[in-house]
Protein backbone atom coordinates (compact mmCIF):
# COMPACT_ATOMS: atom_id res chain seq x y z
CA MET A 1 9.57 -8.80 -30.46
CA ARG A 2 6.22 -10.05 -29.45
CA ILE A 3 4.45 -9.08 -26.15
CA GLY A 4 5.48 -12.36 -24.39
CA GLU A 5 9.11 -11.76 -25.24
CA LEU A 6 8.99 -8.23 -23.92
CA ALA A 7 7.11 -9.38 -20.77
CA GLU A 8 9.67 -12.12 -20.13
CA SER A 9 12.74 -9.91 -20.80
CA THR A 10 11.58 -7.31 -18.23
CA GLY A 11 10.10 -9.79 -15.76
CA VAL A 12 6.56 -8.18 -16.15
CA ASP A 13 3.25 -10.10 -16.79
CA VAL A 14 1.80 -9.77 -20.24
CA GLU A 15 -1.40 -8.42 -18.55
CA THR A 16 0.77 -5.61 -17.03
CA VAL A 17 2.24 -4.78 -20.32
CA ARG A 18 -1.27 -4.44 -21.96
CA TYR A 19 -2.32 -2.32 -18.91
CA TYR A 20 0.63 0.05 -19.34
CA GLU A 21 -0.18 0.35 -22.96
CA LYS A 22 -3.92 1.17 -22.24
CA SER A 23 -2.76 3.71 -19.60
CA GLY A 24 -0.48 5.49 -21.83
CA LEU A 25 2.79 4.58 -20.03
CA LEU A 26 3.91 2.46 -23.09
CA PRO A 27 3.41 3.87 -26.48
CA PRO A 28 1.37 1.73 -28.94
CA PRO A 29 3.49 -0.75 -30.73
CA ALA A 30 3.58 -1.29 -34.38
CA ARG A 31 1.36 -4.06 -35.78
CA GLU A 32 2.59 -6.93 -37.95
CA SER A 33 0.53 -7.92 -40.91
CA ASN A 34 -1.04 -10.71 -38.94
CA GLY A 35 -2.16 -8.20 -36.27
CA TYR A 36 0.33 -9.13 -33.69
CA ARG A 37 1.99 -6.33 -31.62
CA SER A 38 5.64 -5.68 -32.47
CA TYR A 39 7.65 -4.17 -29.66
CA GLY A 40 11.10 -2.67 -30.16
CA LYS A 41 14.03 -1.44 -28.03
CA THR A 42 12.22 1.72 -27.12
CA HIS A 43 9.43 -0.35 -25.48
CA LEU A 44 11.93 -2.61 -23.72
CA GLU A 45 13.81 0.34 -22.19
CA ARG A 46 10.74 2.08 -21.22
CA LEU A 47 9.19 -0.99 -19.62
CA ALA A 48 12.42 -1.54 -17.73
CA PHE A 49 12.33 2.06 -16.51
CA ILE A 50 8.76 1.52 -15.38
CA ARG A 51 9.61 -1.79 -13.62
CA HIS A 52 12.56 -0.10 -11.88
CA CYS A 53 10.25 2.84 -10.65
CA ARG A 54 7.77 0.24 -9.40
CA ALA A 55 10.52 -1.59 -7.55
CA LEU A 56 11.13 1.71 -5.74
CA ASP A 57 7.33 1.64 -4.93
CA MET A 58 6.61 4.76 -6.98
CA PRO A 59 2.93 5.16 -7.78
CA LEU A 60 2.02 5.16 -11.50
CA ALA A 61 1.04 8.85 -11.37
CA ASP A 62 4.58 9.62 -10.42
CA ILE A 63 5.99 7.20 -13.07
CA THR A 64 3.86 9.04 -15.66
CA ARG A 65 5.48 12.33 -14.48
CA LEU A 66 8.89 10.93 -14.71
CA LEU A 67 8.31 9.49 -18.26
CA ASN A 68 7.20 13.01 -19.22
CA PHE A 69 10.74 14.24 -18.07
CA VAL A 70 12.28 11.37 -19.98
CA ASP A 71 10.49 12.49 -23.11
CA ARG A 72 11.59 16.18 -22.63
CA PRO A 73 15.27 15.92 -21.71
CA ALA A 74 15.91 19.62 -21.93
CA SER A 75 13.44 20.38 -19.10
CA ASP A 76 14.39 21.44 -15.60
CA CYS A 77 14.90 18.62 -13.20
CA GLY A 78 13.72 20.45 -10.07
CA ASP A 79 10.37 18.76 -10.06
CA ILE A 80 11.98 15.37 -10.35
CA ASN A 81 13.70 16.06 -7.05
CA VAL A 82 10.45 17.02 -5.47
CA LEU A 83 8.85 13.97 -6.73
CA VAL A 84 11.58 11.76 -5.22
CA ASP A 85 11.49 13.74 -1.85
CA GLU A 86 7.79 13.05 -1.72
CA GLN A 87 8.55 9.24 -2.24
CA ILE A 88 11.14 9.34 0.52
CA SER A 89 8.49 11.02 2.82
CA ARG A 90 6.04 8.22 2.00
CA VAL A 91 8.62 5.54 2.61
CA LYS A 92 9.63 7.09 5.94
CA ALA A 93 5.91 7.23 7.05
CA ARG A 94 5.50 3.49 6.09
CA LEU A 95 8.73 2.66 8.04
CA LYS A 96 7.38 4.35 11.04
CA SER A 97 4.07 2.60 10.65
CA MET A 98 5.86 -0.73 10.26
CA ARG A 99 7.93 -0.19 13.36
CA ALA A 100 4.79 0.54 15.29
CA LEU A 101 3.33 -2.72 13.88
CA GLU A 102 6.41 -4.68 15.00
CA LYS A 103 6.05 -3.28 18.56
CA GLN A 104 2.31 -4.40 18.56
CA LEU A 105 3.16 -7.82 17.29
CA THR A 106 6.01 -8.17 19.71
CA ALA A 107 3.68 -7.12 22.61
CA LEU A 108 1.11 -9.59 21.51
CA ARG A 109 3.89 -12.34 21.10
CA HIS A 110 4.92 -11.88 24.70
CA MET A 111 1.44 -12.81 25.83
CA CYS A 112 2.10 -16.48 25.14
CA SER A 113 5.75 -17.45 25.85
CA GLU A 114 5.24 -21.29 26.15
CA PRO A 115 3.05 -23.74 24.48
CA HIS A 116 -0.42 -24.08 25.91
CA SER A 117 -3.75 -25.31 24.86
CA THR A 118 -5.52 -22.80 22.58
CA LYS A 119 -7.96 -22.26 25.48
CA GLU A 120 -5.06 -20.88 27.59
CA CYS A 121 -3.22 -19.09 24.72
CA GLY A 122 -2.58 -15.39 25.63
CA ILE A 123 -2.27 -14.40 22.15
CA LEU A 124 -5.81 -15.74 21.32
CA HIS A 125 -7.20 -14.08 24.46
CA GLU A 126 -5.81 -10.82 23.61
CA LEU A 127 -7.12 -11.02 19.94
CA VAL A 128 -10.50 -12.10 21.18
CA SER A 129 -10.70 -9.28 23.79
CA ALA A 130 -9.66 -6.70 21.12
CA ALA A 131 -12.53 -8.08 18.87
CA HIS A 132 -14.94 -7.35 21.73
CA GLY A 133 -13.65 -3.73 21.93
CA GLU A 134 -11.59 -4.31 25.03
CA ALA A 135 -8.04 -3.16 25.59
CA CYS A 136 -5.36 -5.62 24.44
CA ALA A 137 -1.58 -5.84 24.88
CA CYS A 138 -0.81 -4.60 21.29
CA HIS A 139 -3.12 -1.47 21.35
CA ALA A 140 -3.31 1.25 24.03
CA VAL A 141 -6.62 2.03 25.63
CA ARG A 142 -8.02 5.08 23.79
């Protein structure tokens, strides 16, 4: 199959496929006599694997490590567990950060409960105050 077919069948942009090739995540495809790339089932499966790992928000460096394990099926999987545990920790940290962000936005939203003119908008007032380095409803004074 050609690059467009591979991209479409996995939901990945053609440029992303090319990037994965250049970075070594995908092996180089065979070339047809006209110079077009010719991808096979192995490329399709590997690209689907990469796409799934990206959907789990794994960084490309970790995906590279996982692909090395895929390529060496007899190796010990302990490092895979460590890699996934590290990803879980990153996700937990982001969730904690997102909860803090939600609290900040909620505090900011409570500054303007009814429609007013923008001159009287509590949200804008708080944002302008913060821009001037003053305390605001969404950030504690440091």
